[in-house]
Amino acid sequence: MSTWKRTTRKLDLLDIQIDRQRPFYKHISVNNLGSILNNIIMCVETESERKSGAGLGDSTVTSNVVLTPSWILWVTRGDKTPPTANSVRLENAQVKDYADTPEFASDPDNGLEISGILTGKSVPSRVLIGLGDEADAKAFKAAVFKAIENLKK
């Protein structure tokens, strides 16, 4: 059983709280990513609440994730940590449904595991973008895998 209770909903980029919009735009500017937000496929927000392990960091985390035809960008903010933005070009990443990873057996959760070199970094990373079980979360996963498939055409 996951240590997190997650709820995911679809929303528009403009509906993201301003304290999480700013890191998106700063990340894009600092990394010279241009106008990558001009063609958004889907945007979701996930509220995650820690069910156990109090005192191990954030008790709640809000993530906003934006999918474009070539990029996935996300900002996370915890109740104890400031907003942080990351991105990866889909063609430079391996994306898996977290349920299909070996870690799922010992640490069940829901979301996407992204492996690769994140924008502005020099070493490979592996991150989990946590998602809920709602229809919007399932639609987001499907949209990510479809975008990846479209890049291969």
Protein backbone atom coordinates (compact mmCIF):
# COMPACT_ATOMS: atom_id res chain seq x y z
CA MET A 1 0.00 0.00 0.00
CA SER A 2 1.31 3.41 -0.97
CA THR A 3 2.44 5.83 1.70
CA TRP A 4 0.72 8.58 -0.30
CA LYS A 5 -2.92 9.37 -0.98
CA ARG A 6 -2.98 11.11 -4.38
CA THR A 7 -5.73 13.00 -6.18
CA THR A 8 -5.23 14.18 -9.77
CA ARG A 9 -7.32 16.56 -11.82
CA LYS A 10 -6.99 18.12 -15.24
CA LEU A 11 -6.70 21.90 -15.39
CA ASP A 12 -5.53 24.70 -17.63
CA LEU A 13 -2.06 26.19 -17.26
CA LEU A 14 -3.60 29.51 -16.22
CA ASP A 15 -5.44 27.77 -13.36
CA ILE A 16 -2.18 26.71 -11.69
CA GLN A 17 -1.52 28.72 -8.54
CA ILE A 18 0.84 31.62 -9.24
CA ASP A 19 3.47 30.32 -6.77
CA ARG A 20 3.85 27.28 -9.04
CA GLN A 21 3.44 29.16 -12.35
CA ARG A 22 6.47 31.35 -11.64
CA PRO A 23 8.91 28.41 -11.37
CA PHE A 24 7.66 27.08 -14.73
CA TYR A 25 8.44 30.35 -16.47
CA LYS A 26 11.73 30.85 -14.63
CA HIS A 27 12.84 27.30 -15.57
CA ILE A 28 11.93 27.94 -19.20
CA SER A 29 13.79 31.27 -19.22
CA VAL A 30 16.94 30.06 -17.42
CA ASN A 31 17.22 27.04 -19.73
CA ASN A 32 16.37 28.97 -22.93
CA LEU A 33 13.49 26.64 -23.80
CA GLY A 34 11.64 29.26 -25.81
CA SER A 35 7.90 29.04 -26.32
CA ILE A 36 7.43 25.37 -25.38
CA LEU A 37 4.18 26.14 -23.56
CA ASN A 38 2.47 27.35 -26.74
CA ASN A 39 1.25 23.87 -27.66
CA ILE A 40 0.05 22.12 -24.48
CA ILE A 41 -1.53 18.70 -24.86
CA MET A 42 -2.62 18.35 -21.24
CA CYS A 43 -1.96 19.78 -17.79
CA VAL A 44 -2.74 18.09 -14.47
CA GLU A 45 -2.45 18.85 -10.80
CA THR A 46 -1.87 16.16 -8.19
CA GLU A 47 -2.37 16.69 -4.48
CA SER A 48 -0.42 14.11 -2.48
CA GLU A 49 -0.89 13.55 1.23
CA ARG A 50 1.48 11.33 3.21
CA LYS A 51 -0.50 8.58 4.95
CA SER A 52 2.36 7.39 7.16
CA GLY A 53 5.89 8.31 8.10
CA ALA A 54 5.19 11.71 9.64
CA GLY A 55 8.33 13.75 10.16
CA LEU A 56 10.01 12.32 7.05
CA GLY A 57 9.77 15.51 5.07
CA ASP A 58 6.73 17.01 3.43
CA SER A 59 3.32 15.83 4.62
CA THR A 60 1.61 17.26 1.55
CA VAL A 61 2.96 17.86 -1.94
CA THR A 62 1.30 19.57 -4.88
CA SER A 63 2.56 18.79 -8.36
CA ASN A 64 1.62 20.45 -11.62
CA VAL A 65 2.63 18.62 -14.77
CA VAL A 66 2.43 19.96 -18.32
CA LEU A 67 2.70 17.79 -21.40
CA THR A 68 3.57 19.19 -24.82
CA PRO A 69 4.25 17.20 -28.00
CA SER A 70 7.99 17.12 -27.14
CA TRP A 71 8.33 17.95 -23.45
CA ILE A 72 7.09 17.10 -20.00
CA LEU A 73 7.52 19.82 -17.38
CA TRP A 74 6.59 19.70 -13.71
CA VAL A 75 6.65 21.86 -10.62
CA THR A 76 6.39 20.39 -7.13
CA ARG A 77 5.83 22.22 -3.89
CA GLY A 78 5.65 20.64 -0.46
CA ASP A 79 4.37 21.99 2.80
CA LYS A 80 8.03 22.28 3.93
CA THR A 81 9.81 22.75 0.61
CA PRO A 82 9.62 25.56 -1.96
CA PRO A 83 8.42 25.04 -5.53
CA THR A 84 10.91 23.34 -7.83
CA ALA A 85 10.62 23.08 -11.61
CA ASN A 86 12.02 20.34 -13.84
CA SER A 87 11.59 19.25 -17.41
CA VAL A 88 12.79 16.65 -19.87
CA ARG A 89 12.56 16.36 -23.61
CA LEU A 90 10.48 13.22 -24.23
CA GLU A 91 12.87 11.93 -26.88
CA ASN A 92 15.69 12.00 -24.30
CA ALA A 93 13.82 10.13 -21.57
CA GLN A 94 12.58 6.70 -20.73
CA VAL A 95 9.04 6.91 -19.41
CA LYS A 96 7.35 3.97 -17.71
CA ASP A 97 4.13 3.42 -15.85
CA TYR A 98 5.39 3.13 -12.26
CA ALA A 99 3.28 -0.03 -11.84
CA ASP A 100 5.60 -1.68 -14.40
CA THR A 101 8.80 -0.99 -12.43
CA PRO A 102 10.53 -3.40 -10.01
CA GLU A 103 10.12 -0.83 -7.20
CA PHE A 104 6.34 -1.15 -7.37
CA ALA A 105 6.44 -4.54 -5.59
CA SER A 106 8.03 -3.10 -2.44
CA ASP A 107 6.68 0.47 -2.68
CA PRO A 108 3.30 0.49 -4.45
CA ASP A 109 2.28 3.83 -5.89
CA ASN A 110 0.78 5.31 -9.03
CA GLY A 111 2.37 7.57 -11.60
CA LEU A 112 5.09 7.83 -14.20
CA GLU A 113 8.75 6.99 -13.71
CA ILE A 114 10.98 9.21 -15.81
CA SER A 115 14.64 8.35 -16.36
CA GLY A 116 17.08 10.51 -18.25
CA ILE A 117 19.02 13.73 -18.10
CA LEU A 118 16.70 16.48 -16.93
CA THR A 119 16.97 19.94 -18.44
CA GLY A 120 19.92 21.84 -17.02
CA LYS A 121 21.43 18.77 -15.34
CA SER A 122 24.53 16.82 -16.35
CA VAL A 123 23.86 13.43 -14.77
CA PRO A 124 20.96 11.04 -15.34
CA SER A 125 18.06 11.13 -12.89
CA ARG A 126 15.12 8.90 -12.12
CA VAL A 127 12.00 10.60 -10.79
CA LEU A 128 8.45 9.60 -10.01
CA ILE A 129 5.66 11.89 -11.06
CA GLY A 130 2.96 10.70 -8.69
CA LEU A 131 -0.60 10.54 -9.97
CA GLY A 132 -3.95 9.53 -8.51
CA ASP A 133 -6.29 6.85 -9.84
CA GLU A 134 -8.86 9.22 -11.35
CA ALA A 135 -9.88 9.30 -14.99
CA ASP A 136 -7.84 12.50 -15.49
CA ALA A 137 -4.69 10.73 -14.24
CA LYS A 138 -5.30 7.79 -16.57
CA ALA A 139 -5.94 10.17 -19.47
CA PHE A 140 -2.69 11.99 -18.69
CA LYS A 141 -0.67 8.76 -18.70
CA ALA A 142 -2.26 7.77 -22.01
CA ALA A 143 -1.48 11.21 -23.48
CA VAL A 144 2.18 10.93 -22.43
CA PHE A 145 2.59 7.53 -24.07
CA LYS A 146 0.79 8.75 -27.19
CA ALA A 147 3.11 11.79 -27.41
CA ILE A 148 6.12 9.50 -27.14
CA GLU A 149 4.70 7.25 -29.86
CA ASN A 150 4.08 10.28 -32.09
CA LEU A 151 7.74 11.30 -31.74
CA LYS A 152 8.81 7.93 -33.15
CA LYS A 153 6.82 8.44 -36.37
